[in-house]
Amino acid sequence: MTIQKRSREDIAIMIAKDIPDGSYVNLGIGLPTHVAKYLPKDKEIFLHSENGVLAFGPPPAEGEEDQDLVNAGKELVTLLSGGCFMHHGDSFDIMRGGHLDICVIGAFQVALNGDLANWHTGKDDDVPAVGGAMDLAVGAKRIFVYMEHTTKKGEPKIVKHLTYPITGEQCVDRIYTDLCTIELKDGQAYVIEMVDGLDFDTLQALTECPLIDHCTYSSLIQLR
């Protein structure tokens, strides 16, 4: 069977479905902002952006754009009923004060223990772009990483130990990639879902750290 990788939109849809009703969520700059397009209409989810917007929605329809209403990635968004603007300092109070239930964030690497690297690869010619990532990594109650499983060269991005500069220590809870979904818990990486046509051994070969298959994960959940 041919492996059908998830598209970036597929990953965004999966993450959107997994966000609980009533959550306050920050969507990191880049790929994570796609999640705003796919949030279920039967859930009330409050999106936060570090530039000072709370309770915003998906991109506007053509002709309804407001150039002053953007997220932290300078992408046009809409404001939901009850949504608001705030001072930049108040926005960072939300991030640093433990008021965010989930942050969806991109990554260059994630380590088995949950360490996150997403602002610099360590190369001399790369431009550092940490932004508010460090604040989000320590301030949000849960961190969901949205990324491709390997680099363009096929190198694993889920590793035993980070080789890139660290953003936050032991902060990542779940990883969504184009191949699978992984839950990090108690120093273990549990595969809770894989794309059709992908076998566990192949997935392990594309991942540097040891994985535990989804059947074991399901058994552990049932025991709790």
N, C-alpha and C. Protein backbone atom coordinates (compact mmCIF):
# COMPACT_ATOMS: atom_id res chain seq x y z
N MET A 1 0.84 -1.19 0.00
CA MET A 1 0.00 0.00 0.00
C MET A 1 0.88 1.25 0.00
N THR A 2 0.52 2.22 -0.82
CA THR A 2 1.26 3.47 -0.89
C THR A 2 0.99 4.33 0.35
N ILE A 3 2.04 4.93 0.88
CA ILE A 3 1.88 5.81 2.04
C ILE A 3 1.31 7.14 1.57
N GLN A 4 0.19 7.53 2.13
CA GLN A 4 -0.44 8.81 1.80
C GLN A 4 -0.18 9.79 2.93
N LYS A 5 0.83 10.63 2.75
CA LYS A 5 1.15 11.60 3.79
C LYS A 5 0.02 12.61 3.96
N ARG A 6 -0.10 13.11 5.17
CA ARG A 6 -1.08 14.18 5.42
C ARG A 6 -0.59 15.48 4.79
N SER A 7 -1.51 16.23 4.25
CA SER A 7 -1.18 17.58 3.80
C SER A 7 -1.15 18.49 5.02
N ARG A 8 -0.66 19.69 4.83
CA ARG A 8 -0.65 20.65 5.93
C ARG A 8 -2.06 20.95 6.41
N GLU A 9 -3.01 20.96 5.47
CA GLU A 9 -4.40 21.19 5.83
C GLU A 9 -4.94 20.02 6.64
N ASP A 10 -4.56 18.79 6.28
CA ASP A 10 -4.99 17.61 7.02
C ASP A 10 -4.54 17.68 8.48
N ILE A 11 -3.29 18.11 8.67
CA ILE A 11 -2.77 18.22 10.04
C ILE A 11 -3.55 19.27 10.82
N ALA A 12 -3.82 20.40 10.17
CA ALA A 12 -4.57 21.47 10.83
C ALA A 12 -5.96 21.00 11.24
N ILE A 13 -6.61 20.23 10.38
CA ILE A 13 -7.94 19.71 10.68
C ILE A 13 -7.90 18.78 11.89
N MET A 14 -6.89 17.91 11.96
CA MET A 14 -6.76 16.98 13.09
C MET A 14 -6.57 17.74 14.40
N ILE A 15 -5.70 18.75 14.37
CA ILE A 15 -5.45 19.53 15.59
C ILE A 15 -6.72 20.26 16.01
N ALA A 16 -7.42 20.86 15.05
CA ALA A 16 -8.65 21.61 15.36
C ALA A 16 -9.68 20.71 16.04
N LYS A 17 -9.80 19.47 15.58
CA LYS A 17 -10.76 18.53 16.17
C LYS A 17 -10.38 18.15 17.60
N ASP A 18 -9.08 18.16 17.90
CA ASP A 18 -8.60 17.71 19.21
C ASP A 18 -8.60 18.82 20.27
N ILE A 19 -8.92 20.04 19.88
CA ILE A 19 -8.96 21.14 20.85
C ILE A 19 -10.30 21.11 21.58
N PRO A 20 -10.31 20.98 22.90
CA PRO A 20 -11.56 20.89 23.65
C PRO A 20 -12.37 22.18 23.61
N ASP A 21 -13.67 22.02 23.73
CA ASP A 21 -14.58 23.16 23.79
C ASP A 21 -14.21 24.05 24.98
N GLY A 22 -14.27 25.36 24.78
CA GLY A 22 -14.00 26.31 25.84
C GLY A 22 -12.53 26.63 26.05
N SER A 23 -11.66 26.12 25.19
CA SER A 23 -10.22 26.33 25.37
C SER A 23 -9.78 27.71 24.92
N TYR A 24 -8.76 28.22 25.60
CA TYR A 24 -8.06 29.44 25.18
C TYR A 24 -6.76 28.98 24.52
N VAL A 25 -6.59 29.34 23.25
CA VAL A 25 -5.55 28.74 22.43
C VAL A 25 -4.74 29.80 21.70
N ASN A 26 -3.42 29.66 21.75
CA ASN A 26 -2.54 30.51 20.94
C ASN A 26 -2.05 29.69 19.74
N LEU A 27 -2.14 30.27 18.55
CA LEU A 27 -1.65 29.63 17.35
C LEU A 27 -0.35 30.32 16.94
N GLY A 28 0.75 29.57 16.96
CA GLY A 28 2.05 30.14 16.63
C GLY A 28 2.14 30.60 15.19
N ILE A 29 3.12 31.44 14.92
CA ILE A 29 3.33 31.98 13.58
C ILE A 29 3.71 30.85 12.62
N GLY A 30 3.21 30.93 11.39
CA GLY A 30 3.52 29.92 10.37
C GLY A 30 2.42 28.90 10.24
N LEU A 31 2.80 27.63 10.14
CA LEU A 31 1.83 26.56 9.91
C LEU A 31 0.68 26.54 10.92
N PRO A 32 0.92 26.74 12.22
CA PRO A 32 -0.18 26.64 13.18
C PRO A 32 -1.36 27.57 12.91
N THR A 33 -1.14 28.68 12.23
CA THR A 33 -2.25 29.60 11.98
C THR A 33 -3.33 28.98 11.10
N HIS A 34 -2.98 27.92 10.35
CA HIS A 34 -3.98 27.24 9.51
C HIS A 34 -5.11 26.64 10.34
N VAL A 35 -4.84 26.33 11.61
CA VAL A 35 -5.84 25.70 12.46
C VAL A 35 -7.09 26.57 12.59
N ALA A 36 -6.92 27.87 12.53
CA ALA A 36 -8.06 28.79 12.69
C ALA A 36 -9.14 28.57 11.63
N LYS A 37 -8.76 28.05 10.48
CA LYS A 37 -9.70 27.84 9.38
C LYS A 37 -10.63 26.65 9.63
N TYR A 38 -10.23 25.75 10.52
CA TYR A 38 -10.92 24.47 10.63
C TYR A 38 -11.53 24.19 12.00
N LEU A 39 -11.62 25.18 12.85
CA LEU A 39 -12.21 24.96 14.17
C LEU A 39 -13.69 24.61 14.04
N PRO A 40 -14.14 23.54 14.70
CA PRO A 40 -15.54 23.12 14.60
C PRO A 40 -16.50 24.23 15.03
N LYS A 41 -17.57 24.40 14.28
CA LYS A 41 -18.53 25.47 14.57
C LYS A 41 -19.33 25.18 15.83
N ASP A 42 -19.36 23.90 16.27
CA ASP A 42 -20.13 23.56 17.47
C ASP A 42 -19.30 23.71 18.75
N LYS A 43 -18.06 24.22 18.63
CA LYS A 43 -17.22 24.46 19.79
C LYS A 43 -16.95 25.96 19.94
N GLU A 44 -16.87 26.41 21.19
CA GLU A 44 -16.48 27.78 21.45
C GLU A 44 -15.02 27.76 21.88
N ILE A 45 -14.14 28.20 20.98
CA ILE A 45 -12.70 28.20 21.22
C ILE A 45 -12.18 29.62 21.05
N PHE A 46 -11.44 30.10 22.03
CA PHE A 46 -10.98 31.48 22.06
C PHE A 46 -9.52 31.54 21.60
N LEU A 47 -9.32 32.07 20.42
CA LEU A 47 -7.96 32.17 19.87
C LEU A 47 -7.29 33.45 20.33
N HIS A 48 -6.03 33.31 20.72
CA HIS A 48 -5.24 34.44 21.21
C HIS A 48 -4.03 34.62 20.31
N SER A 49 -3.68 35.86 20.04
CA SER A 49 -2.46 36.17 19.29
C SER A 49 -1.63 37.14 20.09
N GLU A 50 -0.31 36.90 20.11
CA GLU A 50 0.56 37.66 21.01
C GLU A 50 0.63 39.14 20.70
N ASN A 51 0.21 39.54 19.49
CA ASN A 51 0.22 40.97 19.19
C ASN A 51 -0.96 41.71 19.82
N GLY A 52 -1.83 40.98 20.54
CA GLY A 52 -2.88 41.64 21.31
C GLY A 52 -4.29 41.47 20.80
N VAL A 53 -4.63 40.29 20.31
CA VAL A 53 -5.99 40.00 19.84
C VAL A 53 -6.49 38.76 20.56
N LEU A 54 -7.72 38.82 21.04
CA LEU A 54 -8.33 37.67 21.70
C LEU A 54 -9.70 37.40 21.09
N ALA A 55 -9.99 36.12 20.85
CA ALA A 55 -11.26 35.67 20.24
C ALA A 55 -11.37 36.13 18.79
N PHE A 56 -10.35 35.74 18.01
CA PHE A 56 -10.43 36.02 16.57
C PHE A 56 -10.80 34.74 15.84
N GLY A 57 -11.16 34.91 14.55
CA GLY A 57 -11.62 33.78 13.77
C GLY A 57 -10.78 33.57 12.52
N PRO A 58 -11.32 32.84 11.56
CA PRO A 58 -10.59 32.50 10.34
C PRO A 58 -10.34 33.72 9.46
N PRO A 59 -9.56 33.57 8.39
CA PRO A 59 -9.32 34.69 7.48
C PRO A 59 -10.62 35.24 6.91
N PRO A 60 -10.66 36.52 6.59
CA PRO A 60 -11.90 37.12 6.07
C PRO A 60 -12.19 36.71 4.64
N ALA A 61 -13.44 36.80 4.27
CA ALA A 61 -13.84 36.56 2.88
C ALA A 61 -13.31 37.70 2.01
N GLU A 62 -13.14 37.43 0.74
CA GLU A 62 -12.65 38.45 -0.18
C GLU A 62 -13.59 39.65 -0.17
N GLY A 63 -13.00 40.82 -0.02
CA GLY A 63 -13.79 42.06 0.03
C GLY A 63 -14.17 42.50 1.42
N GLU A 64 -13.90 41.65 2.42
CA GLU A 64 -14.25 41.97 3.81
C GLU A 64 -13.01 42.14 4.68
N GLU A 65 -11.86 42.33 4.05
CA GLU A 65 -10.61 42.45 4.79
C GLU A 65 -10.53 43.75 5.57
N ASP A 66 -9.97 43.68 6.76
CA ASP A 66 -9.66 44.85 7.57
C ASP A 66 -8.15 44.83 7.79
N GLN A 67 -7.44 45.75 7.17
CA GLN A 67 -5.98 45.73 7.20
C GLN A 67 -5.41 45.95 8.60
N ASP A 68 -6.23 46.42 9.53
CA ASP A 68 -5.76 46.63 10.90
C ASP A 68 -5.99 45.39 11.78
N LEU A 69 -6.65 44.38 11.25
CA LEU A 69 -6.98 43.20 12.04
C LEU A 69 -6.12 42.02 11.57
N VAL A 70 -5.00 41.82 12.25
CA VAL A 70 -4.05 40.78 11.85
C VAL A 70 -3.60 39.99 13.07
N ASN A 71 -3.09 38.79 12.81
CA ASN A 71 -2.48 38.01 13.88
C ASN A 71 -0.99 38.33 13.97
N ALA A 72 -0.27 37.61 14.83
CA ALA A 72 1.15 37.92 15.04
C ALA A 72 2.00 37.65 13.81
N GLY A 73 1.48 36.84 12.88
CA GLY A 73 2.19 36.58 11.64
C GLY A 73 1.81 37.54 10.53
N LYS A 74 1.09 38.61 10.89
CA LYS A 74 0.64 39.65 9.95
C LYS A 74 -0.34 39.11 8.91
N GLU A 75 -1.05 38.03 9.26
CA GLU A 75 -2.08 37.47 8.40
C GLU A 75 -3.43 38.07 8.79
N LEU A 76 -4.25 38.37 7.82
CA LEU A 76 -5.57 38.94 8.09
C LEU A 76 -6.47 37.91 8.76
N VAL A 77 -7.19 38.36 9.78
CA VAL A 77 -8.13 37.50 10.50
C VAL A 77 -9.46 38.23 10.67
N THR A 78 -10.41 37.55 11.27
CA THR A 78 -11.70 38.17 11.60
C THR A 78 -11.84 38.21 13.11
N LEU A 79 -12.68 39.09 13.60
CA LEU A 79 -12.92 39.19 15.04
C LEU A 79 -14.30 38.63 15.35
N LEU A 80 -14.37 37.68 16.28
CA LEU A 80 -15.64 37.07 16.64
C LEU A 80 -16.40 37.96 17.60
N SER A 81 -17.68 37.66 17.77
CA SER A 81 -18.50 38.41 18.72
C SER A 81 -17.89 38.31 20.12
N GLY A 82 -17.66 39.46 20.76
CA GLY A 82 -17.02 39.48 22.07
C GLY A 82 -15.52 39.54 22.02
N GLY A 83 -14.94 39.46 20.83
CA GLY A 83 -13.50 39.54 20.69
C GLY A 83 -12.98 40.93 21.03
N CYS A 84 -11.69 41.04 21.30
CA CYS A 84 -11.15 42.33 21.72
C CYS A 84 -9.68 42.49 21.34
N PHE A 85 -9.23 43.74 21.40
CA PHE A 85 -7.83 44.10 21.27
C PHE A 85 -7.30 44.45 22.65
N MET A 86 -6.00 44.37 22.82
CA MET A 86 -5.42 44.73 24.12
C MET A 86 -3.99 45.22 23.92
N HIS A 87 -3.46 45.84 24.96
CA HIS A 87 -2.07 46.27 24.97
C HIS A 87 -1.16 45.05 24.87
N HIS A 88 -0.01 45.25 24.23
CA HIS A 88 0.96 44.16 24.06
C HIS A 88 1.37 43.56 25.40
N GLY A 89 1.52 44.40 26.40
CA GLY A 89 1.90 43.90 27.72
C GLY A 89 0.84 43.01 28.33
N ASP A 90 -0.45 43.38 28.14
CA ASP A 90 -1.54 42.54 28.65
C ASP A 90 -1.58 41.20 27.92
N SER A 91 -1.27 41.24 26.63
CA SER A 91 -1.25 40.01 25.85
C SER A 91 -0.19 39.05 26.37
N PHE A 92 0.98 39.59 26.71
CA PHE A 92 2.04 38.73 27.25
C PHE A 92 1.74 38.28 28.67
N ASP A 93 0.92 39.04 29.40
CA ASP A 93 0.46 38.57 30.71
C ASP A 93 -0.37 37.30 30.56
N ILE A 94 -1.19 37.25 29.51
CA ILE A 94 -1.98 36.05 29.24
C ILE A 94 -1.05 34.87 28.95
N MET A 95 -0.02 35.12 28.15
CA MET A 95 0.90 34.06 27.77
C MET A 95 1.73 33.56 28.95
N ARG A 96 2.21 34.48 29.76
CA ARG A 96 3.13 34.12 30.85
C ARG A 96 2.42 33.71 32.13
N GLY A 97 1.13 34.06 32.22
CA GLY A 97 0.42 33.85 33.48
C GLY A 97 -0.34 32.55 33.59
N GLY A 98 -0.15 31.64 32.65
CA GLY A 98 -0.82 30.35 32.73
C GLY A 98 -2.28 30.39 32.31
N HIS A 99 -2.67 31.37 31.50
CA HIS A 99 -4.07 31.52 31.10
C HIS A 99 -4.41 30.81 29.79
N LEU A 100 -3.41 30.31 29.08
CA LEU A 100 -3.64 29.60 27.82
C LEU A 100 -3.71 28.10 28.08
N ASP A 101 -4.78 27.48 27.58
CA ASP A 101 -4.92 26.03 27.75
C ASP A 101 -3.99 25.28 26.79
N ILE A 102 -3.87 25.78 25.58
CA ILE A 102 -3.07 25.10 24.55
C ILE A 102 -2.33 26.13 23.71
N CYS A 103 -1.12 25.82 23.34
CA CYS A 103 -0.42 26.57 22.30
C CYS A 103 -0.06 25.58 21.19
N VAL A 104 -0.44 25.91 19.97
CA VAL A 104 -0.06 25.12 18.80
C VAL A 104 1.13 25.83 18.17
N ILE A 105 2.25 25.12 18.05
CA ILE A 105 3.49 25.78 17.68
C ILE A 105 4.28 24.92 16.70
N GLY A 106 5.06 25.54 15.85
CA GLY A 106 5.93 24.81 14.93
C GLY A 106 7.25 24.46 15.61
N ALA A 107 8.04 23.59 14.96
CA ALA A 107 9.31 23.19 15.57
C ALA A 107 10.31 22.74 14.52
N PHE A 108 11.59 22.96 14.84
CA PHE A 108 12.68 22.38 14.06
C PHE A 108 13.01 20.99 14.60
N GLN A 109 12.93 20.85 15.93
CA GLN A 109 13.18 19.57 16.58
C GLN A 109 12.34 19.48 17.85
N VAL A 110 11.98 18.23 18.20
CA VAL A 110 11.39 17.93 19.50
C VAL A 110 12.13 16.73 20.05
N ALA A 111 12.53 16.80 21.32
CA ALA A 111 13.24 15.70 21.96
C ALA A 111 12.27 14.78 22.70
N LEU A 112 12.74 13.58 22.98
CA LEU A 112 11.92 12.57 23.65
C LEU A 112 11.37 13.06 24.98
N ASN A 113 12.14 13.88 25.70
CA ASN A 113 11.67 14.38 27.00
C ASN A 113 10.77 15.61 26.89
N GLY A 114 10.44 16.01 25.65
CA GLY A 114 9.55 17.15 25.46
C GLY A 114 10.25 18.47 25.24
N ASP A 115 11.58 18.48 25.19
CA ASP A 115 12.30 19.73 24.90
C ASP A 115 11.94 20.20 23.48
N LEU A 116 11.84 21.51 23.33
CA LEU A 116 11.42 22.12 22.08
C LEU A 116 12.51 23.03 21.51
N ALA A 117 12.77 22.91 20.20
CA ALA A 117 13.67 23.83 19.50
C ALA A 117 12.93 24.36 18.27
N ASN A 118 12.66 25.65 18.26
CA ASN A 118 11.88 26.17 17.12
C ASN A 118 12.27 27.58 16.68
N TRP A 119 13.40 28.09 17.17
CA TRP A 119 13.71 29.47 16.82
C TRP A 119 15.02 29.65 16.06
N HIS A 120 15.86 28.61 16.04
CA HIS A 120 17.16 28.75 15.39
C HIS A 120 17.74 27.35 15.18
N THR A 121 18.38 27.16 14.03
CA THR A 121 19.02 25.86 13.76
C THR A 121 20.49 25.85 14.13
N GLY A 122 21.00 26.99 14.60
CA GLY A 122 22.40 27.06 14.97
C GLY A 122 23.34 27.43 13.84
N LYS A 123 22.81 27.56 12.63
CA LYS A 123 23.66 27.93 11.49
C LYS A 123 23.96 29.42 11.52
N ASP A 124 25.16 29.79 11.13
CA ASP A 124 25.61 31.18 11.19
C ASP A 124 24.77 32.10 10.32
N ASP A 125 24.26 31.59 9.19
CA ASP A 125 23.52 32.45 8.28
C ASP A 125 22.02 32.47 8.53
N ASP A 126 21.54 31.74 9.56
CA ASP A 126 20.12 31.76 9.90
C ASP A 126 19.79 33.00 10.74
N VAL A 127 18.61 33.54 10.51
CA VAL A 127 18.18 34.72 11.26
C VAL A 127 17.41 34.25 12.50
N PRO A 128 17.87 34.58 13.71
CA PRO A 128 17.14 34.20 14.93
C PRO A 128 15.75 34.80 14.93
N ALA A 129 14.75 34.00 15.33
CA ALA A 129 13.37 34.48 15.31
C ALA A 129 12.59 33.87 16.46
N VAL A 130 13.03 34.16 17.67
CA VAL A 130 12.39 33.51 18.82
C VAL A 130 11.01 34.08 19.09
N GLY A 131 10.77 35.38 18.88
CA GLY A 131 9.46 35.96 19.12
C GLY A 131 8.98 35.68 20.53
N GLY A 132 7.73 35.28 20.67
CA GLY A 132 7.18 34.96 21.99
C GLY A 132 7.19 33.47 22.28
N ALA A 133 7.95 32.69 21.49
CA ALA A 133 7.92 31.24 21.62
C ALA A 133 8.35 30.76 23.01
N MET A 134 9.36 31.40 23.57
CA MET A 134 9.82 30.97 24.91
C MET A 134 8.75 31.22 25.96
N ASP A 135 8.04 32.35 25.83
CA ASP A 135 6.96 32.65 26.78
C ASP A 135 5.84 31.63 26.66
N LEU A 136 5.50 31.28 25.43
CA LEU A 136 4.43 30.31 25.19
C LEU A 136 4.82 28.92 25.68
N ALA A 137 6.09 28.55 25.48
CA ALA A 137 6.54 27.22 25.87
C ALA A 137 6.40 26.97 27.36
N VAL A 138 6.62 28.01 28.16
CA VAL A 138 6.53 27.85 29.62
C VAL A 138 5.19 28.30 30.17
N GLY A 139 4.43 29.08 29.39
CA GLY A 139 3.20 29.65 29.92
C GLY A 139 1.94 28.87 29.61
N ALA A 140 1.90 28.18 28.46
CA ALA A 140 0.69 27.43 28.09
C ALA A 140 0.63 26.11 28.87
N LYS A 141 -0.58 25.66 29.18
CA LYS A 141 -0.74 24.43 29.94
C LYS A 141 -0.37 23.20 29.12
N ARG A 142 -0.64 23.25 27.81
CA ARG A 142 -0.28 22.15 26.92
C ARG A 142 0.32 22.71 25.64
N ILE A 143 1.32 22.01 25.11
CA ILE A 143 1.95 22.41 23.85
C ILE A 143 1.72 21.33 22.80
N PHE A 144 1.07 21.71 21.70
CA PHE A 144 0.91 20.84 20.53
C PHE A 144 1.87 21.32 19.45
N VAL A 145 2.72 20.45 18.97
CA VAL A 145 3.64 20.81 17.88
C VAL A 145 3.05 20.37 16.54
N TYR A 146 3.12 21.27 15.58
CA TYR A 146 2.59 21.06 14.22
C TYR A 146 3.79 21.16 13.28
N MET A 147 4.21 20.02 12.71
CA MET A 147 5.41 20.04 11.87
C MET A 147 5.44 18.83 10.94
N GLU A 148 6.35 18.85 9.98
CA GLU A 148 6.60 17.68 9.15
C GLU A 148 7.54 16.74 9.90
N HIS A 149 7.44 15.45 9.61
CA HIS A 149 8.13 14.45 10.42
C HIS A 149 9.65 14.49 10.23
N THR A 150 10.09 14.82 9.04
CA THR A 150 11.53 14.88 8.77
C THR A 150 11.87 16.20 8.06
N THR A 151 13.15 16.49 7.99
CA THR A 151 13.60 17.66 7.24
C THR A 151 13.51 17.37 5.74
N LYS A 152 13.80 18.37 4.94
CA LYS A 152 13.80 18.18 3.49
C LYS A 152 14.85 17.17 3.05
N LYS A 153 15.87 16.99 3.88
CA LYS A 153 16.91 16.00 3.59
C LYS A 153 16.56 14.61 4.13
N GLY A 154 15.40 14.49 4.76
CA GLY A 154 14.99 13.21 5.31
C GLY A 154 15.52 12.92 6.69
N GLU A 155 16.08 13.92 7.36
CA GLU A 155 16.62 13.74 8.70
C GLU A 155 15.50 13.83 9.75
N PRO A 156 15.53 13.00 10.79
CA PRO A 156 14.48 13.03 11.81
C PRO A 156 14.41 14.38 12.53
N LYS A 157 13.20 14.83 12.80
CA LYS A 157 12.99 16.03 13.59
C LYS A 157 12.54 15.70 15.01
N ILE A 158 12.17 14.44 15.21
CA ILE A 158 11.85 13.94 16.56
C ILE A 158 13.05 13.12 17.00
N VAL A 159 13.76 13.60 18.02
CA VAL A 159 15.10 13.10 18.33
C VAL A 159 15.23 12.69 19.80
N LYS A 160 16.34 12.02 20.11
CA LYS A 160 16.62 11.66 21.50
C LYS A 160 16.95 12.91 22.32
N HIS A 161 17.84 13.74 21.77
CA HIS A 161 18.25 14.98 22.43
C HIS A 161 18.37 16.07 21.38
N LEU A 162 18.03 17.29 21.73
CA LEU A 162 18.12 18.40 20.80
C LEU A 162 19.55 18.66 20.37
N THR A 163 19.72 19.01 19.10
CA THR A 163 21.01 19.49 18.62
C THR A 163 20.91 20.95 18.20
N TYR A 164 19.71 21.50 18.22
CA TYR A 164 19.48 22.92 17.93
C TYR A 164 19.29 23.68 19.24
N PRO A 165 19.47 25.00 19.23
CA PRO A 165 19.26 25.79 20.44
C PRO A 165 17.85 25.59 21.01
N ILE A 166 17.76 25.45 22.30
CA ILE A 166 16.50 25.11 22.95
C ILE A 166 15.58 26.34 23.08
N THR A 167 14.29 26.09 22.95
CA THR A 167 13.27 27.11 23.19
C THR A 167 12.65 26.94 24.57
N GLY A 168 12.28 25.70 24.90
CA GLY A 168 11.67 25.40 26.20
C GLY A 168 11.96 23.98 26.61
N GLU A 169 12.13 23.76 27.91
CA GLU A 169 12.46 22.44 28.44
C GLU A 169 11.20 21.65 28.79
N GLN A 170 11.14 20.40 28.35
CA GLN A 170 10.11 19.43 28.75
C GLN A 170 8.70 20.04 28.68
N CYS A 171 8.41 20.68 27.58
CA CYS A 171 7.15 21.41 27.47
C CYS A 171 6.17 20.81 26.45
N VAL A 172 6.65 19.99 25.51
CA VAL A 172 5.79 19.48 24.45
C VAL A 172 4.98 18.28 24.94
N ASP A 173 3.68 18.32 24.68
CA ASP A 173 2.79 17.22 25.08
C ASP A 173 2.43 16.31 23.91
N ARG A 174 2.22 16.91 22.74
CA ARG A 174 1.77 16.12 21.59
C ARG A 174 2.40 16.67 20.31
N ILE A 175 2.71 15.76 19.38
CA ILE A 175 3.30 16.14 18.09
C ILE A 175 2.40 15.64 16.96
N TYR A 176 2.03 16.53 16.07
CA TYR A 176 1.26 16.18 14.88
C TYR A 176 2.16 16.36 13.66
N THR A 177 2.37 15.29 12.90
CA THR A 177 3.20 15.39 11.71
C THR A 177 2.43 14.88 10.49
N ASP A 178 3.09 14.91 9.34
CA ASP A 178 2.47 14.42 8.12
C ASP A 178 2.40 12.90 8.08
N LEU A 179 2.99 12.22 9.09
CA LEU A 179 2.97 10.76 9.14
C LEU A 179 2.20 10.18 10.31
N CYS A 180 2.16 10.91 11.43
CA CYS A 180 1.56 10.32 12.63
C CYS A 180 1.26 11.39 13.67
N THR A 181 0.65 10.92 14.76
CA THR A 181 0.45 11.75 15.96
C THR A 181 1.12 11.03 17.13
N ILE A 182 1.93 11.77 17.89
CA ILE A 182 2.70 11.19 18.98
C ILE A 182 2.39 11.93 20.28
N GLU A 183 2.13 11.18 21.32
CA GLU A 183 1.93 11.73 22.66
C GLU A 183 3.20 11.51 23.46
N LEU A 184 3.76 12.59 24.02
CA LEU A 184 4.94 12.48 24.87
C LEU A 184 4.49 12.49 26.32
N LYS A 185 4.85 11.44 27.04
CA LYS A 185 4.43 11.32 28.43
C LYS A 185 5.42 10.47 29.21
N ASP A 186 5.84 11.00 30.36
CA ASP A 186 6.73 10.26 31.26
C ASP A 186 8.00 9.75 30.55
N GLY A 187 8.55 10.59 29.67
CA GLY A 187 9.78 10.23 28.99
C GLY A 187 9.63 9.19 27.90
N GLN A 188 8.39 8.97 27.45
CA GLN A 188 8.12 8.00 26.39
C GLN A 188 7.39 8.68 25.24
N ALA A 189 7.54 8.13 24.03
CA ALA A 189 6.86 8.65 22.85
C ALA A 189 5.87 7.61 22.36
N TYR A 190 4.58 7.86 22.60
CA TYR A 190 3.53 6.92 22.23
C TYR A 190 2.91 7.33 20.89
N VAL A 191 2.95 6.42 19.93
CA VAL A 191 2.31 6.68 18.64
C VAL A 191 0.82 6.38 18.79
N ILE A 192 -0.01 7.40 18.68
CA ILE A 192 -1.45 7.18 18.88
C ILE A 192 -2.22 7.11 17.57
N GLU A 193 -1.55 7.41 16.46
CA GLU A 193 -2.21 7.33 15.16
C GLU A 193 -1.16 7.42 14.07
N MET A 194 -1.34 6.66 12.98
CA MET A 194 -0.46 6.73 11.83
C MET A 194 -1.29 6.82 10.55
N VAL A 195 -0.69 7.35 9.48
CA VAL A 195 -1.38 7.43 8.20
C VAL A 195 -1.51 6.04 7.59
N ASP A 196 -2.49 5.87 6.72
CA ASP A 196 -2.69 4.59 6.04
C ASP A 196 -1.48 4.23 5.19
N GLY A 197 -1.13 2.96 5.23
CA GLY A 197 -0.03 2.47 4.41
C GLY A 197 1.33 2.55 5.08
N LEU A 198 1.38 3.12 6.27
CA LEU A 198 2.66 3.25 6.99
C LEU A 198 2.73 2.21 8.09
N ASP A 199 3.80 1.41 8.10
CA ASP A 199 3.96 0.43 9.16
C ASP A 199 4.87 1.00 10.25
N PHE A 200 4.78 0.41 11.42
CA PHE A 200 5.48 0.95 12.59
C PHE A 200 7.00 0.97 12.40
N ASP A 201 7.56 -0.07 11.81
CA ASP A 201 9.01 -0.15 11.62
C ASP A 201 9.52 0.98 10.72
N THR A 202 8.74 1.29 9.68
CA THR A 202 9.13 2.38 8.79
C THR A 202 9.09 3.71 9.52
N LEU A 203 8.05 3.91 10.32
CA LEU A 203 7.95 5.14 11.11
C LEU A 203 9.13 5.25 12.08
N GLN A 204 9.48 4.14 12.72
CA GLN A 204 10.60 4.16 13.66
C GLN A 204 11.90 4.52 12.95
N ALA A 205 12.08 4.06 11.73
CA ALA A 205 13.30 4.35 10.98
C ALA A 205 13.41 5.83 10.64
N LEU A 206 12.28 6.53 10.62
CA LEU A 206 12.26 7.96 10.32
C LEU A 206 12.28 8.82 11.58
N THR A 207 12.43 8.16 12.73
CA THR A 207 12.38 8.84 14.02
C THR A 207 13.60 8.43 14.83
N GLU A 208 14.32 9.41 15.39
CA GLU A 208 15.56 9.07 16.10
C GLU A 208 15.31 8.44 17.46
N CYS A 209 14.32 8.92 18.17
CA CYS A 209 14.06 8.38 19.50
C CYS A 209 13.17 7.14 19.41
N PRO A 210 13.23 6.26 20.41
CA PRO A 210 12.39 5.05 20.38
C PRO A 210 10.91 5.41 20.51
N LEU A 211 10.08 4.67 19.76
CA LEU A 211 8.64 4.89 19.78
C LEU A 211 7.93 3.69 20.43
N ILE A 212 6.76 3.94 20.97
CA ILE A 212 5.90 2.88 21.50
C ILE A 212 4.64 2.86 20.65
N ASP A 213 4.25 1.67 20.19
CA ASP A 213 3.15 1.60 19.22
C ASP A 213 1.81 1.97 19.84
N HIS A 214 0.86 2.30 18.96
CA HIS A 214 -0.43 2.82 19.40
C HIS A 214 -1.25 1.79 20.17
N CYS A 215 -1.02 0.50 19.93
CA CYS A 215 -1.76 -0.53 20.67
C CYS A 215 -1.41 -0.48 22.16
N THR A 216 -0.12 -0.30 22.44
CA THR A 216 0.32 -0.17 23.84
C THR A 216 -0.26 1.08 24.46
N TYR A 217 -0.27 2.19 23.70
CA TYR A 217 -0.83 3.43 24.20
C TYR A 217 -2.31 3.26 24.53
N SER A 218 -3.06 2.61 23.64
CA SER A 218 -4.49 2.41 23.85
C SER A 218 -4.74 1.58 25.10
N SER A 219 -3.89 0.58 25.34
CA SER A 219 -4.02 -0.26 26.53
C SER A 219 -3.80 0.55 27.80
N LEU A 220 -2.81 1.44 27.75
CA LEU A 220 -2.53 2.27 28.92
C LEU A 220 -3.68 3.20 29.22
N ILE A 221 -4.30 3.77 28.18
CA ILE A 221 -5.43 4.69 28.38
C ILE A 221 -6.60 3.95 29.01
N GLN A 222 -6.85 2.71 28.57
CA GLN A 222 -7.96 1.94 29.10
C GLN A 222 -7.75 1.57 30.56
N LEU A 223 -6.48 1.42 30.96
CA LEU A 223 -6.18 1.06 32.34
C LEU A 223 -6.36 2.21 33.31
N ARG A 224 -6.34 3.45 32.79
CA ARG A 224 -6.38 4.61 33.69
C ARG A 224 -7.80 4.90 34.15
